[in-house]
Amino acid sequence: MQPEITNLRARREWQYIVERVGEARALAAIADLPGKRRPYPFNIAKVLGLPMPDEADLPLLPEERASRSEAAAKALAEMKKHLRTCG
């Protein structure tokens, strides 16, 4: 069984869980979900006894890191251009 990943936050939560306990243990926890709980990352974290951090503290996905790096590089290039024209 696989986790239900419904949005970007859920992807980040799943990544957080896997980084902390490993994918095999995280997937195994799905079988331990009580009742008819769906395998959302938040529910899986509860089974594992893993406190879920605030959204701002979840790790970025690789594509988010790349996007932020590109934006930072672009902003830096604009600042350098501005400094060259001012000086």
PDB file of N, CA and C in Angstrom:
ATOM      1  N   MET A   1       0.839  -1.183   0.000  1.00  0.00           N
ATOM      2  CA  MET A   1       0.000   0.000   0.000  1.00  0.00           C
ATOM      3  C   MET A   1       0.886   1.250   0.000  1.00  0.00           C
ATOM      4  N   GLN A   2       0.396   2.294  -0.611  1.00  0.00           N
ATOM      5  CA  GLN A   2       1.141   3.544  -0.737  1.00  0.00           C
ATOM      6  C   GLN A   2       0.430   4.663   0.026  1.00  0.00           C
ATOM      7  N   PRO A   3       1.164   5.707   0.398  1.00  0.00           N
ATOM      8  CA  PRO A   3       0.516   6.843   1.058  1.00  0.00           C
ATOM      9  C   PRO A   3      -0.350   7.611   0.064  1.00  0.00           C
ATOM     10  N   GLU A   4      -1.372   8.263   0.578  1.00  0.00           N
ATOM     11  CA  GLU A   4      -2.199   9.131  -0.270  1.00  0.00           C
ATOM     12  C   GLU A   4      -1.581  10.517  -0.256  1.00  0.00           C
ATOM     13  N   ILE A   5      -1.081  10.901  -1.405  1.00  0.00           N
ATOM     14  CA  ILE A   5      -0.451  12.210  -1.562  1.00  0.00           C
ATOM     15  C   ILE A   5      -1.409  13.074  -2.373  1.00  0.00           C
ATOM     16  N   THR A   6      -2.057  14.020  -1.717  1.00  0.00           N
ATOM     17  CA  THR A   6      -3.110  14.796  -2.364  1.00  0.00           C
ATOM     18  C   THR A   6      -2.692  16.201  -2.783  1.00  0.00           C
ATOM     19  N   ASN A   7      -1.570  16.677  -2.252  1.00  0.00           N
ATOM     20  CA  ASN A   7      -1.139  18.039  -2.581  1.00  0.00           C
ATOM     21  C   ASN A   7       0.350  18.198  -2.259  1.00  0.00           C
ATOM     22  N   LEU A   8       0.856  19.385  -2.494  1.00  0.00           N
ATOM     23  CA  LEU A   8       2.278  19.666  -2.273  1.00  0.00           C
ATOM     24  C   LEU A   8       2.668  19.485  -0.808  1.00  0.00           C
ATOM     25  N   ARG A   9       1.816  19.938   0.091  1.00  0.00           N
ATOM     26  CA  ARG A   9       2.137  19.787   1.518  1.00  0.00           C
ATOM     27  C   ARG A   9       2.253  18.305   1.884  1.00  0.00           C
ATOM     28  N   ALA A  10       1.348  17.484   1.379  1.00  0.00           N
ATOM     29  CA  ALA A  10       1.397  16.047   1.664  1.00  0.00           C
ATOM     30  C   ALA A  10       2.683  15.432   1.120  1.00  0.00           C
ATOM     31  N   ARG A  11       3.134  15.897  -0.036  1.00  0.00           N
ATOM     32  CA  ARG A  11       4.406  15.403  -0.583  1.00  0.00           C
ATOM     33  C   ARG A  11       5.554  15.766   0.340  1.00  0.00           C
ATOM     34  N   ARG A  12       5.517  17.000   0.848  1.00  0.00           N
ATOM     35  CA  ARG A  12       6.573  17.439   1.760  1.00  0.00           C
ATOM     36  C   ARG A  12       6.505  16.683   3.073  1.00  0.00           C
ATOM     37  N   GLU A  13       5.290  16.398   3.576  1.00  0.00           N
ATOM     38  CA  GLU A  13       5.138  15.626   4.808  1.00  0.00           C
ATOM     39  C   GLU A  13       5.679  14.211   4.622  1.00  0.00           C
ATOM     40  N   TRP A  14       5.353  13.602   3.475  1.00  0.00           N
ATOM     41  CA  TRP A  14       5.845  12.241   3.209  1.00  0.00           C
ATOM     42  C   TRP A  14       7.373  12.240   3.160  1.00  0.00           C
ATOM     43  N   GLN A  15       7.949  13.231   2.490  1.00  0.00           N
ATOM     44  CA  GLN A  15       9.410  13.325   2.427  1.00  0.00           C
ATOM     45  C   GLN A  15       9.991  13.441   3.827  1.00  0.00           C
ATOM     46  N   TYR A  16       9.375  14.244   4.675  1.00  0.00           N
ATOM     47  CA  TYR A  16       9.831  14.422   6.057  1.00  0.00           C
ATOM     48  C   TYR A  16       9.825  13.080   6.792  1.00  0.00           C
ATOM     49  N   ILE A  17       8.730  12.350   6.664  1.00  0.00           N
ATOM     50  CA  ILE A  17       8.609  11.057   7.342  1.00  0.00           C
ATOM     51  C   ILE A  17       9.689  10.097   6.858  1.00  0.00           C
ATOM     52  N   VAL A  18       9.854  10.008   5.552  1.00  0.00           N
ATOM     53  CA  VAL A  18      10.842   9.084   4.979  1.00  0.00           C
ATOM     54  C   VAL A  18      12.250   9.462   5.413  1.00  0.00           C
ATOM     55  N   GLU A  19      12.551  10.745   5.480  1.00  0.00           N
ATOM     56  CA  GLU A  19      13.878  11.178   5.937  1.00  0.00           C
ATOM     57  C   GLU A  19      14.124  10.787   7.388  1.00  0.00           C
ATOM     58  N   ARG A  20      13.075  10.759   8.197  1.00  0.00           N
ATOM     59  CA  ARG A  20      13.236  10.457   9.617  1.00  0.00           C
ATOM     60  C   ARG A  20      13.296   8.960   9.922  1.00  0.00           C
ATOM     61  N   VAL A  21      12.437   8.160   9.271  1.00  0.00           N
ATOM     62  CA  VAL A  21      12.337   6.745   9.650  1.00  0.00           C
ATOM     63  C   VAL A  21      12.687   5.771   8.527  1.00  0.00           C
ATOM     64  N   GLY A  22      12.867   6.273   7.311  1.00  0.00           N
ATOM     65  CA  GLY A  22      13.144   5.404   6.171  1.00  0.00           C
ATOM     66  C   GLY A  22      11.852   4.994   5.480  1.00  0.00           C
ATOM     67  N   GLU A  23      11.958   4.747   4.190  1.00  0.00           N
ATOM     68  CA  GLU A  23      10.766   4.449   3.396  1.00  0.00           C
ATOM     69  C   GLU A  23      10.124   3.122   3.798  1.00  0.00           C
ATOM     70  N   ALA A  24      10.927   2.105   4.059  1.00  0.00           N
ATOM     71  CA  ALA A  24      10.375   0.790   4.405  1.00  0.00           C
ATOM     72  C   ALA A  24       9.537   0.867   5.676  1.00  0.00           C
ATOM     73  N   ARG A  25      10.054   1.535   6.694  1.00  0.00           N
ATOM     74  CA  ARG A  25       9.313   1.648   7.965  1.00  0.00           C
ATOM     75  C   ARG A  25       8.065   2.508   7.792  1.00  0.00           C
ATOM     76  N   ALA A  26       8.172   3.567   6.993  1.00  0.00           N
ATOM     77  CA  ALA A  26       7.020   4.441   6.760  1.00  0.00           C
ATOM     78  C   ALA A  26       5.914   3.689   6.023  1.00  0.00           C
ATOM     79  N   LEU A  27       6.288   2.914   5.015  1.00  0.00           N
ATOM     80  CA  LEU A  27       5.292   2.133   4.278  1.00  0.00           C
ATOM     81  C   LEU A  27       4.682   1.045   5.155  1.00  0.00           C
ATOM     82  N   ALA A  28       5.489   0.433   5.995  1.00  0.00           N
ATOM     83  CA  ALA A  28       4.987  -0.609   6.888  1.00  0.00           C
ATOM     84  C   ALA A  28       3.970  -0.038   7.872  1.00  0.00           C
ATOM     85  N   ALA A  29       4.122   1.212   8.257  1.00  0.00           N
ATOM     86  CA  ALA A  29       3.210   1.840   9.211  1.00  0.00           C
ATOM     87  C   ALA A  29       1.801   1.989   8.644  1.00  0.00           C
ATOM     88  N   ILE A  30       1.682   1.992   7.332  1.00  0.00           N
ATOM     89  CA  ILE A  30       0.358   2.117   6.721  1.00  0.00           C
ATOM     90  C   ILE A  30      -0.535   0.955   7.148  1.00  0.00           C
ATOM     91  N   ALA A  31       0.030  -0.230   7.245  1.00  0.00           N
ATOM     92  CA  ALA A  31      -0.748  -1.407   7.665  1.00  0.00           C
ATOM     93  C   ALA A  31      -1.225  -1.288   9.105  1.00  0.00           C
ATOM     94  N   ASP A  32      -0.585  -0.440   9.897  1.00  0.00           N
ATOM     95  CA  ASP A  32      -0.936  -0.279  11.310  1.00  0.00           C
ATOM     96  C   ASP A  32      -1.935   0.846  11.560  1.00  0.00           C
ATOM     97  N   LEU A  33      -2.433   1.480  10.482  1.00  0.00           N
ATOM     98  CA  LEU A  33      -3.403   2.557  10.668  1.00  0.00           C
ATOM     99  C   LEU A  33      -4.668   1.998  11.305  1.00  0.00           C
ATOM    100  N   PRO A  34      -5.161   2.651  12.353  1.00  0.00           N
ATOM    101  CA  PRO A  34      -6.356   2.129  13.028  1.00  0.00           C
ATOM    102  C   PRO A  34      -7.632   2.374  12.217  1.00  0.00           C
ATOM    103  N   GLY A  35      -8.573   1.460  12.349  1.00  0.00           N
ATOM    104  CA  GLY A  35      -9.880   1.619  11.714  1.00  0.00           C
ATOM    105  C   GLY A  35      -9.778   1.787  10.219  1.00  0.00           C
ATOM    106  N   LYS A  36     -10.556   2.730   9.730  1.00  0.00           N
ATOM    107  CA  LYS A  36     -10.582   2.988   8.284  1.00  0.00           C
ATOM    108  C   LYS A  36      -9.835   4.275   7.940  1.00  0.00           C
ATOM    109  N   ARG A  37      -8.837   4.579   8.736  1.00  0.00           N
ATOM    110  CA  ARG A  37      -8.038   5.790   8.462  1.00  0.00           C
ATOM    111  C   ARG A  37      -7.347   5.653   7.114  1.00  0.00           C
ATOM    112  N   ARG A  38      -7.342   6.740   6.397  1.00  0.00           N
ATOM    113  CA  ARG A  38      -6.700   6.738   5.083  1.00  0.00           C
ATOM    114  C   ARG A  38      -5.211   6.990   5.266  1.00  0.00           C
ATOM    115  N   PRO A  39      -4.405   6.479   4.343  1.00  0.00           N
ATOM    116  CA  PRO A  39      -2.949   6.596   4.500  1.00  0.00           C
ATOM    117  C   PRO A  39      -2.380   7.958   4.105  1.00  0.00           C
ATOM    118  N   TYR A  40      -2.931   8.999   4.695  1.00  0.00           N
ATOM    119  CA  TYR A  40      -2.360  10.330   4.514  1.00  0.00           C
ATOM    120  C   TYR A  40      -1.072  10.403   5.340  1.00  0.00           C
ATOM    121  N   PRO A  41      -0.085  11.157   4.880  1.00  0.00           N
ATOM    122  CA  PRO A  41       1.159  11.255   5.639  1.00  0.00           C
ATOM    123  C   PRO A  41       0.948  11.638   7.100  1.00  0.00           C
ATOM    124  N   PHE A  42       0.010  12.530   7.374  1.00  0.00           N
ATOM    125  CA  PHE A  42      -0.224  12.945   8.753  1.00  0.00           C
ATOM    126  C   PHE A  42      -0.645  11.760   9.617  1.00  0.00           C
ATOM    127  N   ASN A  43      -1.519  10.900   9.103  1.00  0.00           N
ATOM    128  CA  ASN A  43      -1.953   9.716   9.846  1.00  0.00           C
ATOM    129  C   ASN A  43      -0.817   8.719  10.031  1.00  0.00           C
ATOM    130  N   ILE A  44       0.017   8.588   9.029  1.00  0.00           N
ATOM    131  CA  ILE A  44       1.165   7.679   9.106  1.00  0.00           C
ATOM    132  C   ILE A  44       2.127   8.167  10.183  1.00  0.00           C
ATOM    133  N   ALA A  45       2.341   9.471  10.232  1.00  0.00           N
ATOM    134  CA  ALA A  45       3.228  10.047  11.248  1.00  0.00           C
ATOM    135  C   ALA A  45       2.692   9.758  12.647  1.00  0.00           C
ATOM    136  N   LYS A  46       1.385   9.823  12.821  1.00  0.00           N
ATOM    137  CA  LYS A  46       0.786   9.524  14.131  1.00  0.00           C
ATOM    138  C   LYS A  46       1.088   8.090  14.547  1.00  0.00           C
ATOM    139  N   VAL A  47       0.933   7.150  13.616  1.00  0.00           N
ATOM    140  CA  VAL A  47       1.213   5.738  13.913  1.00  0.00           C
ATOM    141  C   VAL A  47       2.665   5.565  14.336  1.00  0.00           C
ATOM    142  N   LEU A  48       3.548   6.297  13.702  1.00  0.00           N
ATOM    143  CA  LEU A  48       4.981   6.204  13.993  1.00  0.00           C
ATOM    144  C   LEU A  48       5.377   6.985  15.249  1.00  0.00           C
ATOM    145  N   GLY A  49       4.449   7.769  15.783  1.00  0.00           N
ATOM    146  CA  GLY A  49       4.776   8.599  16.941  1.00  0.00           C
ATOM    147  C   GLY A  49       5.693   9.750  16.575  1.00  0.00           C
ATOM    148  N   LEU A  50       5.625  10.166  15.329  1.00  0.00           N
ATOM    149  CA  LEU A  50       6.491  11.215  14.806  1.00  0.00           C
ATOM    150  C   LEU A  50       5.729  12.532  14.772  1.00  0.00           C
ATOM    151  N   PRO A  51       6.134  13.519  15.578  1.00  0.00           N
ATOM    152  CA  PRO A  51       5.432  14.801  15.525  1.00  0.00           C
ATOM    153  C   PRO A  51       5.687  15.492  14.183  1.00  0.00           C
ATOM    154  N   MET A  52       4.626  16.011  13.600  1.00  0.00           N
ATOM    155  CA  MET A  52       4.740  16.683  12.304  1.00  0.00           C
ATOM    156  C   MET A  52       5.026  18.161  12.546  1.00  0.00           C
ATOM    157  N   PRO A  53       6.076  18.704  11.942  1.00  0.00           N
ATOM    158  CA  PRO A  53       6.395  20.125  12.142  1.00  0.00           C
ATOM    159  C   PRO A  53       5.400  21.020  11.406  1.00  0.00           C
ATOM    160  N   ASP A  54       5.467  22.305  11.709  1.00  0.00           N
ATOM    161  CA  ASP A  54       4.672  23.277  10.956  1.00  0.00           C
ATOM    162  C   ASP A  54       5.067  23.205   9.490  1.00  0.00           C
ATOM    163  N   GLU A  55       4.169  23.631   8.630  1.00  0.00           N
ATOM    164  CA  GLU A  55       4.422  23.556   7.185  1.00  0.00           C
ATOM    165  C   GLU A  55       5.714  24.280   6.802  1.00  0.00           C
ATOM    166  N   ALA A  56       5.991  25.412   7.415  1.00  0.00           N
ATOM    167  CA  ALA A  56       7.188  26.183   7.086  1.00  0.00           C
ATOM    168  C   ALA A  56       8.473  25.425   7.423  1.00  0.00           C
ATOM    169  N   ASP A  57       8.379  24.464   8.335  1.00  0.00           N
ATOM    170  CA  ASP A  57       9.562  23.708   8.755  1.00  0.00           C
ATOM    171  C   ASP A  57       9.722  22.376   8.030  1.00  0.00           C
ATOM    172  N   LEU A  58       8.788  22.055   7.141  1.00  0.00           N
ATOM    173  CA  LEU A  58       8.921  20.829   6.357  1.00  0.00           C
ATOM    174  C   LEU A  58      10.024  21.006   5.316  1.00  0.00           C
ATOM    175  N   PRO A  59      10.726  19.938   4.963  1.00  0.00           N
ATOM    176  CA  PRO A  59      11.782  20.075   3.952  1.00  0.00           C
ATOM    177  C   PRO A  59      11.200  20.418   2.590  1.00  0.00           C
ATOM    178  N   LEU A  60      11.969  21.188   1.851  1.00  0.00           N
ATOM    179  CA  LEU A  60      11.557  21.526   0.490  1.00  0.00           C
ATOM    180  C   LEU A  60      11.768  20.323  -0.420  1.00  0.00           C
ATOM    181  N   LEU A  61      10.911  20.211  -1.422  1.00  0.00           N
ATOM    182  CA  LEU A  61      11.078  19.179  -2.444  1.00  0.00           C
ATOM    183  C   LEU A  61      12.191  19.621  -3.387  1.00  0.00           C
ATOM    184  N   PRO A  62      12.815  18.690  -4.081  1.00  0.00           N
ATOM    185  CA  PRO A  62      13.912  19.068  -4.991  1.00  0.00           C
ATOM    186  C   PRO A  62      13.522  20.159  -5.990  1.00  0.00           C
ATOM    187  N   GLU A  63      12.313  20.070  -6.548  1.00  0.00           N
ATOM    188  CA  GLU A  63      11.903  21.084  -7.532  1.00  0.00           C
ATOM    189  C   GLU A  63      11.682  22.448  -6.884  1.00  0.00           C
ATOM    190  N   GLU A  64      11.289  22.467  -5.603  1.00  0.00           N
ATOM    191  CA  GLU A  64      11.136  23.733  -4.896  1.00  0.00           C
ATOM    192  C   GLU A  64      12.499  24.367  -4.636  1.00  0.00           C
ATOM    193  N   ARG A  65      13.472  23.532  -4.265  1.00  0.00           N
ATOM    194  CA  ARG A  65      14.829  24.048  -4.036  1.00  0.00           C
ATOM    195  C   ARG A  65      15.397  24.634  -5.311  1.00  0.00           C
ATOM    196  N   ALA A  66      15.209  23.938  -6.426  1.00  0.00           N
ATOM    197  CA  ALA A  66      15.733  24.411  -7.707  1.00  0.00           C
ATOM    198  C   ALA A  66      15.077  25.730  -8.093  1.00  0.00           C
ATOM    199  N   SER A  67      13.772  25.819  -7.912  1.00  0.00           N
ATOM    200  CA  SER A  67      13.041  27.032  -8.251  1.00  0.00           C
ATOM    201  C   SER A  67      13.522  28.214  -7.412  1.00  0.00           C
ATOM    202  N   ARG A  68      13.724  27.980  -6.118  1.00  0.00           N
ATOM    203  CA  ARG A  68      14.190  29.056  -5.241  1.00  0.00           C
ATOM    204  C   ARG A  68      15.621  29.452  -5.574  1.00  0.00           C
ATOM    205  N   SER A  69      16.450  28.496  -5.953  1.00  0.00           N
ATOM    206  CA  SER A  69      17.824  28.808  -6.333  1.00  0.00           C
ATOM    207  C   SER A  69      17.854  29.659  -7.590  1.00  0.00           C
ATOM    208  N   GLU A  70      16.994  29.310  -8.555  1.00  0.00           N
ATOM    209  CA  GLU A  70      16.923  30.091  -9.792  1.00  0.00           C
ATOM    210  C   GLU A  70      16.457  31.516  -9.509  1.00  0.00           C
ATOM    211  N   ALA A  71      15.461  31.657  -8.654  1.00  0.00           N
ATOM    212  CA  ALA A  71      14.948  32.983  -8.312  1.00  0.00           C
ATOM    213  C   ALA A  71      16.018  33.801  -7.599  1.00  0.00           C
ATOM    214  N   ALA A  72      16.762  33.169  -6.706  1.00  0.00           N
ATOM    215  CA  ALA A  72      17.824  33.869  -5.986  1.00  0.00           C
ATOM    216  C   ALA A  72      18.930  34.300  -6.946  1.00  0.00           C
ATOM    217  N   ALA A  73      19.301  33.435  -7.873  1.00  0.00           N
ATOM    218  CA  ALA A  73      20.346  33.774  -8.841  1.00  0.00           C
ATOM    219  C   ALA A  73      19.906  34.938  -9.725  1.00  0.00           C
ATOM    220  N   LYS A  74      18.647  34.925 -10.113  1.00  0.00           N
ATOM    221  CA  LYS A  74      18.121  36.000 -10.954  1.00  0.00           C
ATOM    222  C   LYS A  74      18.129  37.325 -10.187  1.00  0.00           C
ATOM    223  N   ALA A  75      17.715  37.291  -8.914  1.00  0.00           N
ATOM    224  CA  ALA A  75      17.704  38.510  -8.095  1.00  0.00           C
ATOM    225  C   ALA A  75      19.116  39.034  -7.890  1.00  0.00           C
ATOM    226  N   LEU A  76      20.068  38.137  -7.676  1.00  0.00           N
ATOM    227  CA  LEU A  76      21.458  38.541  -7.493  1.00  0.00           C
ATOM    228  C   LEU A  76      22.000  39.187  -8.764  1.00  0.00           C
ATOM    229  N   ALA A  77      21.692  38.615  -9.912  1.00  0.00           N
ATOM    230  CA  ALA A  77      22.136  39.186 -11.189  1.00  0.00           C
ATOM    231  C   ALA A  77      21.558  40.586 -11.388  1.00  0.00           C
ATOM    232  N   GLU A  78      20.293  40.777 -11.012  1.00  0.00           N
ATOM    233  CA  GLU A  78      19.672  42.099 -11.126  1.00  0.00           C
ATOM    234  C   GLU A  78      20.352  43.111 -10.204  1.00  0.00           C
ATOM    235  N   MET A  79      20.690  42.684  -8.994  1.00  0.00           N
ATOM    236  CA  MET A  79      21.388  43.575  -8.053  1.00  0.00           C
ATOM    237  C   MET A  79      22.754  43.974  -8.590  1.00  0.00           C
ATOM    238  N   LYS A  80      23.481  42.999  -9.126  1.00  0.00           N
ATOM    239  CA  LYS A  80      24.811  43.297  -9.692  1.00  0.00           C
ATOM    240  C   LYS A  80      24.688  44.268 -10.850  1.00  0.00           C
ATOM    241  N   LYS A  81      23.701  44.057 -11.694  1.00  0.00           N
ATOM    242  CA  LYS A  81      23.474  44.952 -12.834  1.00  0.00           C
ATOM    243  C   LYS A  81      23.182  46.364 -12.347  1.00  0.00           C
ATOM    244  N   HIS A  82      22.353  46.446 -11.308  1.00  0.00           N
ATOM    245  CA  HIS A  82      22.011  47.745 -10.756  1.00  0.00           C
ATOM    246  C   HIS A  82      23.248  48.431 -10.164  1.00  0.00           C
ATOM    247  N   LEU A  83      24.086  47.680  -9.472  1.00  0.00           N
ATOM    248  CA  LEU A  83      25.297  48.242  -8.879  1.00  0.00           C
ATOM    249  C   LEU A  83      26.266  48.745  -9.938  1.00  0.00           C
ATOM    250  N   ARG A  84      26.368  48.008 -11.050  1.00  0.00           N
ATOM    251  CA  ARG A  84      27.264  48.435 -12.132  1.00  0.00           C
ATOM    252  C   ARG A  84      26.790  49.751 -12.750  1.00  0.00           C
ATOM    253  N   THR A  85      25.482  49.923 -12.859  1.00  0.00           N
ATOM    254  CA  THR A  85      24.968  51.150 -13.472  1.00  0.00           C
ATOM    255  C   THR A  85      25.014  52.348 -12.518  1.00  0.00           C
ATOM    256  N   CYS A  86      25.049  52.057 -11.220  1.00  0.00           N
ATOM    257  CA  CYS A  86      25.087  53.137 -10.224  1.00  0.00           C
ATOM    258  C   CYS A  86      26.519  53.602  -9.954  1.00  0.00           C
ATOM    259  N   GLY A  87      27.476  52.720 -10.144  1.00  0.00           N
ATOM    260  CA  GLY A  87      28.836  53.040  -9.734  1.00  0.00           C
ATOM    261  C   GLY A  87      29.665  53.445 -10.864  1.00  0.00           C
TER     262      GLY A  87
END
